[in-house]
């Protein structure tokens, strides 16, 4: 694993200096569910470009910003069947994604069966 002390990164708040503090008000009116006691955020005037393109240093090129590997234990018939069904579902629901075959054996550095999906934008498609 790379040594993180060898790298420097800009502050995550770069470009947001000097703004009003964020509100500390929570949605106290919601007492259960995923929004219970979450912070209330003010809407923004302009949507962040991070919705449609990866921020530096991630690639926005033809190889994609991320590749996702979905693993399955290929010797377990139900796991392999589920992975194969998931593979088909992704192809049908997200046809714009680059997806590779389901491997029913270890391949390369992958210790078990798997397939790969390339993600080109933070919103998943291209």
N, C-alpha and C. Protein backbone atom coordinates (compact mmCIF):
# COMPACT_ATOMS: atom_id res chain seq x y z
N UNK A 1 0.85 -1.18 0.00
CA UNK A 1 0.00 0.00 0.00
C UNK A 1 0.89 1.24 0.00
N UNK A 2 0.48 2.23 -0.73
CA UNK A 2 1.26 3.47 -0.83
C UNK A 2 1.26 4.22 0.50
N UNK A 3 2.33 4.92 0.75
CA UNK A 3 2.47 5.71 1.97
C UNK A 3 1.76 7.05 1.77
N UNK A 4 0.65 7.31 2.50
CA UNK A 4 -0.10 8.55 2.30
C UNK A 4 0.70 9.82 2.58
N UNK A 5 1.76 9.70 3.40
CA UNK A 5 2.55 10.89 3.70
C UNK A 5 3.36 11.37 2.49
N UNK A 6 3.42 10.55 1.43
CA UNK A 6 4.15 10.94 0.22
C UNK A 6 3.33 11.84 -0.70
N UNK A 7 2.06 12.03 -0.37
CA UNK A 7 1.16 12.78 -1.25
C UNK A 7 0.62 14.01 -0.52
N UNK A 8 0.32 15.03 -1.29
CA UNK A 8 -0.36 16.20 -0.73
C UNK A 8 -1.64 16.43 -1.52
N UNK A 9 -2.64 16.91 -0.84
CA UNK A 9 -3.94 17.14 -1.45
C UNK A 9 -4.42 18.54 -1.08
N UNK A 10 -5.17 19.18 -1.96
CA UNK A 10 -5.74 20.48 -1.59
C UNK A 10 -6.80 20.28 -0.50
N UNK A 11 -7.06 21.34 0.23
CA UNK A 11 -8.09 21.28 1.26
C UNK A 11 -9.43 20.94 0.61
N UNK A 12 -10.22 20.08 1.24
CA UNK A 12 -11.55 19.80 0.69
C UNK A 12 -12.46 21.03 0.72
N UNK A 13 -12.08 22.06 1.48
CA UNK A 13 -12.88 23.28 1.54
C UNK A 13 -12.36 24.36 0.61
N UNK A 14 -11.40 24.03 -0.26
CA UNK A 14 -10.87 25.01 -1.22
C UNK A 14 -12.03 25.52 -2.08
N UNK A 15 -12.15 26.86 -2.15
CA UNK A 15 -13.24 27.47 -2.90
C UNK A 15 -14.46 27.79 -2.03
N UNK A 16 -14.44 27.33 -0.80
CA UNK A 16 -15.56 27.57 0.11
C UNK A 16 -15.14 28.41 1.31
N UNK A 17 -14.00 29.07 1.21
CA UNK A 17 -13.49 29.89 2.31
C UNK A 17 -14.36 31.13 2.48
N UNK A 18 -14.48 31.61 3.72
CA UNK A 18 -15.15 32.87 4.00
C UNK A 18 -16.67 32.83 3.91
N UNK A 19 -17.25 31.69 3.84
CA UNK A 19 -18.72 31.59 3.77
C UNK A 19 -19.31 31.55 5.18
N UNK A 20 -20.62 31.81 5.25
CA UNK A 20 -21.32 31.70 6.53
C UNK A 20 -21.19 30.27 7.04
N UNK A 21 -21.16 30.10 8.34
CA UNK A 21 -21.15 28.73 8.87
C UNK A 21 -22.41 27.98 8.43
N UNK A 22 -22.28 26.70 8.27
CA UNK A 22 -23.45 25.88 7.93
C UNK A 22 -24.39 25.82 9.12
N UNK A 23 -25.70 25.70 8.87
CA UNK A 23 -26.64 25.62 9.98
C UNK A 23 -26.45 24.31 10.76
N UNK A 24 -26.72 24.40 12.05
CA UNK A 24 -26.65 23.20 12.88
C UNK A 24 -28.05 22.69 13.21
N UNK A 25 -29.03 23.20 12.49
CA UNK A 25 -30.42 22.80 12.70
C UNK A 25 -30.61 21.41 12.09
N UNK A 26 -31.29 20.57 12.84
CA UNK A 26 -31.61 19.24 12.33
C UNK A 26 -33.10 19.13 12.08
N UNK A 27 -33.46 18.12 11.36
CA UNK A 27 -34.88 17.92 11.05
C UNK A 27 -35.57 17.23 12.23
N UNK A 28 -35.70 17.99 13.31
CA UNK A 28 -36.29 17.46 14.54
C UNK A 28 -37.75 17.04 14.34
N UNK A 29 -38.40 17.59 13.32
CA UNK A 29 -39.79 17.22 13.09
C UNK A 29 -39.91 15.78 12.59
N UNK A 30 -38.83 15.25 12.05
CA UNK A 30 -38.82 13.86 11.60
C UNK A 30 -38.19 13.04 12.72
N UNK A 31 -38.96 12.13 13.28
CA UNK A 31 -38.46 11.39 14.44
C UNK A 31 -38.00 9.98 14.13
N UNK A 32 -38.29 9.50 12.93
CA UNK A 32 -37.83 8.16 12.57
C UNK A 32 -37.53 8.11 11.08
N UNK A 33 -36.83 7.10 10.69
CA UNK A 33 -36.47 6.95 9.28
C UNK A 33 -35.10 7.53 9.00
N UNK A 34 -34.67 7.46 7.73
CA UNK A 34 -33.31 7.88 7.39
C UNK A 34 -33.04 9.37 7.58
N UNK A 35 -34.09 10.22 7.56
CA UNK A 35 -33.87 11.66 7.71
C UNK A 35 -33.94 12.13 9.16
N UNK A 36 -34.25 11.24 10.07
CA UNK A 36 -34.40 11.64 11.47
C UNK A 36 -33.11 12.25 11.98
N UNK A 37 -33.23 13.46 12.47
CA UNK A 37 -32.14 14.20 13.09
C UNK A 37 -30.96 14.49 12.16
N UNK A 38 -31.19 14.44 10.86
CA UNK A 38 -30.11 14.80 9.92
C UNK A 38 -30.06 16.32 9.80
N UNK A 39 -28.92 16.84 9.38
CA UNK A 39 -28.76 18.29 9.22
C UNK A 39 -29.60 18.80 8.05
N UNK A 40 -30.09 20.02 8.21
CA UNK A 40 -30.79 20.71 7.13
C UNK A 40 -29.75 21.56 6.40
N UNK A 41 -29.62 21.37 5.12
CA UNK A 41 -28.66 22.13 4.31
C UNK A 41 -29.40 23.10 3.41
N UNK A 42 -28.80 24.26 3.20
CA UNK A 42 -29.38 25.24 2.29
C UNK A 42 -29.19 24.78 0.86
N UNK A 43 -30.16 25.04 -0.01
CA UNK A 43 -29.96 24.70 -1.42
C UNK A 43 -28.87 25.57 -2.03
N UNK A 44 -28.23 25.08 -3.07
CA UNK A 44 -27.17 25.84 -3.74
C UNK A 44 -27.73 26.44 -5.03
N UNK A 45 -27.08 27.52 -5.49
CA UNK A 45 -27.54 28.19 -6.71
C UNK A 45 -27.15 27.40 -7.96
N UNK A 46 -26.02 26.73 -7.88
CA UNK A 46 -25.51 26.00 -9.05
C UNK A 46 -25.09 24.60 -8.61
N UNK A 47 -25.50 23.62 -9.38
CA UNK A 47 -25.15 22.24 -9.07
C UNK A 47 -23.64 22.02 -9.24
N UNK A 48 -23.07 21.25 -8.36
CA UNK A 48 -21.63 20.97 -8.41
C UNK A 48 -21.27 20.19 -9.68
N UNK A 49 -20.16 20.55 -10.33
CA UNK A 49 -19.72 19.77 -11.49
C UNK A 49 -19.33 18.34 -11.10
N UNK A 50 -19.15 18.08 -9.81
CA UNK A 50 -18.80 16.72 -9.36
C UNK A 50 -19.95 15.74 -9.56
N UNK A 51 -21.13 16.24 -9.91
CA UNK A 51 -22.23 15.33 -10.26
C UNK A 51 -22.00 14.69 -11.62
N UNK A 52 -21.30 15.39 -12.49
CA UNK A 52 -21.17 14.90 -13.87
C UNK A 52 -19.75 14.55 -14.28
N UNK A 53 -18.75 14.96 -13.50
CA UNK A 53 -17.37 14.58 -13.82
C UNK A 53 -16.59 14.38 -12.54
N UNK A 54 -15.64 13.46 -12.59
CA UNK A 54 -14.82 13.20 -11.42
C UNK A 54 -13.87 14.36 -11.19
N UNK A 55 -13.59 14.62 -9.92
CA UNK A 55 -12.64 15.66 -9.57
C UNK A 55 -11.22 15.12 -9.71
N UNK A 56 -10.28 16.03 -9.92
CA UNK A 56 -8.88 15.66 -10.05
C UNK A 56 -8.42 14.99 -8.76
N UNK A 57 -7.65 13.98 -8.81
CA UNK A 57 -6.90 13.42 -9.92
C UNK A 57 -7.58 12.24 -10.61
N UNK A 58 -8.87 12.00 -10.34
CA UNK A 58 -9.54 10.87 -10.98
C UNK A 58 -9.72 11.13 -12.46
N UNK A 59 -9.70 10.06 -13.24
CA UNK A 59 -9.77 10.17 -14.69
C UNK A 59 -11.20 10.35 -15.18
N UNK A 60 -11.37 11.25 -16.13
CA UNK A 60 -12.63 11.40 -16.86
C UNK A 60 -12.46 10.87 -18.28
N UNK A 61 -11.40 10.11 -18.52
CA UNK A 61 -11.08 9.60 -19.85
C UNK A 61 -11.83 8.34 -20.20
N UNK A 62 -11.40 7.71 -21.27
CA UNK A 62 -12.10 6.55 -21.81
C UNK A 62 -12.00 5.31 -20.91
N UNK A 63 -11.06 5.30 -19.99
CA UNK A 63 -10.96 4.14 -19.08
C UNK A 63 -11.91 4.27 -17.90
N UNK A 64 -12.47 5.45 -17.68
CA UNK A 64 -13.40 5.66 -16.58
C UNK A 64 -12.69 6.02 -15.29
N UNK A 65 -13.45 6.58 -14.37
CA UNK A 65 -12.90 7.00 -13.09
C UNK A 65 -12.72 5.85 -12.12
N UNK A 66 -13.60 4.87 -12.21
CA UNK A 66 -13.55 3.72 -11.32
C UNK A 66 -13.91 2.47 -12.11
N UNK A 67 -13.35 1.37 -11.69
CA UNK A 67 -13.87 0.09 -12.17
C UNK A 67 -14.26 -0.70 -10.94
N UNK A 68 -15.44 -1.26 -11.00
CA UNK A 68 -16.03 -1.97 -9.88
C UNK A 68 -15.94 -3.46 -10.19
N UNK A 69 -15.43 -4.22 -9.25
CA UNK A 69 -15.33 -5.67 -9.42
C UNK A 69 -16.35 -6.31 -8.50
N UNK A 70 -17.21 -7.14 -9.07
CA UNK A 70 -18.23 -7.85 -8.31
C UNK A 70 -17.77 -9.30 -8.23
N UNK A 71 -17.50 -9.76 -7.03
CA UNK A 71 -16.96 -11.10 -6.83
C UNK A 71 -18.03 -12.09 -6.42
N UNK A 72 -17.81 -13.35 -6.77
CA UNK A 72 -18.69 -14.43 -6.33
C UNK A 72 -17.84 -15.68 -6.14
N UNK A 73 -18.27 -16.54 -5.27
CA UNK A 73 -17.60 -17.81 -5.08
C UNK A 73 -18.10 -18.74 -6.18
N UNK A 74 -17.30 -18.93 -7.20
CA UNK A 74 -17.73 -19.65 -8.39
C UNK A 74 -18.05 -21.11 -8.13
N UNK A 75 -17.59 -21.67 -7.02
CA UNK A 75 -17.90 -23.06 -6.71
C UNK A 75 -19.26 -23.21 -6.04
N UNK A 76 -19.89 -22.10 -5.69
CA UNK A 76 -21.23 -22.10 -5.11
C UNK A 76 -22.21 -21.74 -6.21
N UNK A 77 -23.01 -22.70 -6.64
CA UNK A 77 -23.91 -22.50 -7.78
C UNK A 77 -24.86 -21.32 -7.57
N UNK A 78 -25.36 -21.15 -6.34
CA UNK A 78 -26.31 -20.05 -6.10
C UNK A 78 -25.61 -18.69 -6.19
N UNK A 79 -24.37 -18.58 -5.71
CA UNK A 79 -23.63 -17.32 -5.83
C UNK A 79 -23.33 -16.99 -7.29
N UNK A 80 -22.92 -17.99 -8.04
CA UNK A 80 -22.62 -17.76 -9.46
C UNK A 80 -23.89 -17.37 -10.22
N UNK A 81 -25.01 -18.03 -9.90
CA UNK A 81 -26.28 -17.69 -10.55
C UNK A 81 -26.70 -16.26 -10.20
N UNK A 82 -26.52 -15.86 -8.94
CA UNK A 82 -26.88 -14.51 -8.53
C UNK A 82 -26.00 -13.49 -9.24
N UNK A 83 -24.70 -13.74 -9.29
CA UNK A 83 -23.78 -12.82 -9.97
C UNK A 83 -24.13 -12.71 -11.45
N UNK A 84 -24.49 -13.81 -12.07
CA UNK A 84 -24.86 -13.80 -13.48
C UNK A 84 -26.14 -13.00 -13.69
N UNK A 85 -27.11 -13.17 -12.78
CA UNK A 85 -28.36 -12.40 -12.87
C UNK A 85 -28.09 -10.91 -12.64
N UNK A 86 -27.23 -10.59 -11.68
CA UNK A 86 -26.87 -9.19 -11.42
C UNK A 86 -26.18 -8.58 -12.63
N UNK A 87 -25.31 -9.33 -13.26
CA UNK A 87 -24.62 -8.90 -14.48
C UNK A 87 -25.64 -8.53 -15.55
N UNK A 88 -26.64 -9.40 -15.76
CA UNK A 88 -27.67 -9.12 -16.76
C UNK A 88 -28.48 -7.88 -16.37
N UNK A 89 -28.82 -7.75 -15.10
CA UNK A 89 -29.59 -6.60 -14.63
C UNK A 89 -28.83 -5.30 -14.90
N UNK A 90 -27.55 -5.27 -14.60
CA UNK A 90 -26.74 -4.07 -14.83
C UNK A 90 -26.71 -3.75 -16.32
N UNK A 91 -26.54 -4.76 -17.16
CA UNK A 91 -26.51 -4.52 -18.61
C UNK A 91 -27.84 -3.96 -19.10
N UNK A 92 -28.95 -4.44 -18.56
CA UNK A 92 -30.27 -3.97 -19.00
C UNK A 92 -30.59 -2.57 -18.44
N UNK A 93 -30.25 -2.34 -17.18
CA UNK A 93 -30.63 -1.08 -16.54
C UNK A 93 -29.66 0.06 -16.84
N UNK A 94 -28.39 -0.26 -17.07
CA UNK A 94 -27.37 0.75 -17.32
C UNK A 94 -26.58 0.39 -18.58
N UNK A 95 -27.22 0.42 -19.75
CA UNK A 95 -26.55 -0.02 -20.98
C UNK A 95 -25.36 0.85 -21.37
N UNK A 96 -25.28 2.05 -20.81
CA UNK A 96 -24.17 2.94 -21.15
C UNK A 96 -22.86 2.56 -20.44
N UNK A 97 -22.94 1.71 -19.45
CA UNK A 97 -21.73 1.31 -18.73
C UNK A 97 -20.97 0.24 -19.50
N UNK A 98 -19.66 0.29 -19.37
CA UNK A 98 -18.83 -0.77 -19.96
C UNK A 98 -18.80 -1.91 -18.95
N UNK A 99 -19.18 -3.09 -19.41
CA UNK A 99 -19.22 -4.26 -18.53
C UNK A 99 -18.56 -5.43 -19.23
N UNK A 100 -17.83 -6.21 -18.48
CA UNK A 100 -17.10 -7.35 -19.02
C UNK A 100 -17.77 -8.65 -18.58
N UNK A 101 -17.37 -9.74 -19.18
CA UNK A 101 -17.99 -11.04 -18.95
C UNK A 101 -17.89 -11.48 -17.49
N UNK A 102 -18.76 -12.42 -17.13
CA UNK A 102 -18.68 -13.06 -15.82
C UNK A 102 -17.64 -14.18 -15.93
N UNK A 103 -16.65 -14.11 -15.08
CA UNK A 103 -15.63 -15.17 -15.03
C UNK A 103 -16.06 -16.19 -13.98
N UNK A 104 -16.14 -17.45 -14.39
CA UNK A 104 -16.55 -18.51 -13.48
C UNK A 104 -15.35 -19.26 -12.91
N UNK A 105 -14.22 -18.56 -12.86
CA UNK A 105 -12.99 -19.11 -12.29
C UNK A 105 -12.10 -17.93 -11.91
N UNK A 106 -11.12 -18.15 -11.06
CA UNK A 106 -10.17 -17.07 -10.76
C UNK A 106 -9.44 -16.65 -12.04
N UNK A 107 -9.22 -15.37 -12.20
CA UNK A 107 -8.53 -14.85 -13.39
C UNK A 107 -7.60 -13.73 -12.96
N UNK A 108 -6.37 -13.75 -13.46
CA UNK A 108 -5.40 -12.71 -13.10
C UNK A 108 -5.24 -12.60 -11.60
N UNK A 109 -5.29 -11.38 -11.06
CA UNK A 109 -5.09 -11.22 -9.62
C UNK A 109 -6.35 -11.51 -8.80
N UNK A 110 -7.45 -11.85 -9.46
CA UNK A 110 -8.73 -12.04 -8.76
C UNK A 110 -8.83 -13.48 -8.27
N UNK A 111 -8.99 -13.67 -6.96
CA UNK A 111 -8.92 -15.01 -6.38
C UNK A 111 -10.17 -15.88 -6.59
N UNK A 112 -11.27 -15.26 -7.00
CA UNK A 112 -12.52 -16.00 -7.22
C UNK A 112 -13.20 -15.44 -8.47
N UNK A 113 -14.33 -16.04 -8.85
CA UNK A 113 -15.08 -15.56 -10.00
C UNK A 113 -15.49 -14.11 -9.82
N UNK A 114 -15.67 -13.41 -10.95
CA UNK A 114 -15.99 -11.98 -10.86
C UNK A 114 -16.41 -11.44 -12.21
N UNK A 115 -16.94 -10.20 -12.18
CA UNK A 115 -17.07 -9.40 -13.40
C UNK A 115 -16.77 -7.96 -13.04
N UNK A 116 -16.48 -7.18 -14.07
CA UNK A 116 -16.04 -5.79 -13.89
C UNK A 116 -17.00 -4.85 -14.60
N UNK A 117 -17.26 -3.71 -13.95
CA UNK A 117 -18.07 -2.63 -14.52
C UNK A 117 -17.25 -1.35 -14.42
N UNK A 118 -17.14 -0.60 -15.53
CA UNK A 118 -16.43 0.68 -15.52
C UNK A 118 -17.43 1.81 -15.33
N UNK A 119 -17.09 2.75 -14.45
CA UNK A 119 -17.94 3.90 -14.13
C UNK A 119 -17.26 5.14 -14.69
N UNK A 120 -17.98 5.87 -15.54
CA UNK A 120 -17.40 7.01 -16.24
C UNK A 120 -17.70 8.36 -15.62
N UNK A 121 -18.78 8.48 -14.87
CA UNK A 121 -19.10 9.73 -14.18
C UNK A 121 -19.64 9.40 -12.80
N UNK A 122 -19.64 10.35 -11.89
CA UNK A 122 -20.19 10.09 -10.57
C UNK A 122 -21.66 9.67 -10.61
N UNK A 123 -22.37 10.07 -11.64
CA UNK A 123 -23.77 9.67 -11.75
C UNK A 123 -23.91 8.30 -12.41
N UNK A 124 -22.83 7.59 -12.54
CA UNK A 124 -22.74 6.21 -13.00
C UNK A 124 -22.65 6.05 -14.50
N UNK A 125 -23.44 6.74 -15.28
CA UNK A 125 -23.40 6.55 -16.72
C UNK A 125 -22.52 7.55 -17.41
N UNK A 126 -22.64 7.60 -18.69
CA UNK A 126 -21.86 8.55 -19.47
C UNK A 126 -22.78 9.28 -20.40
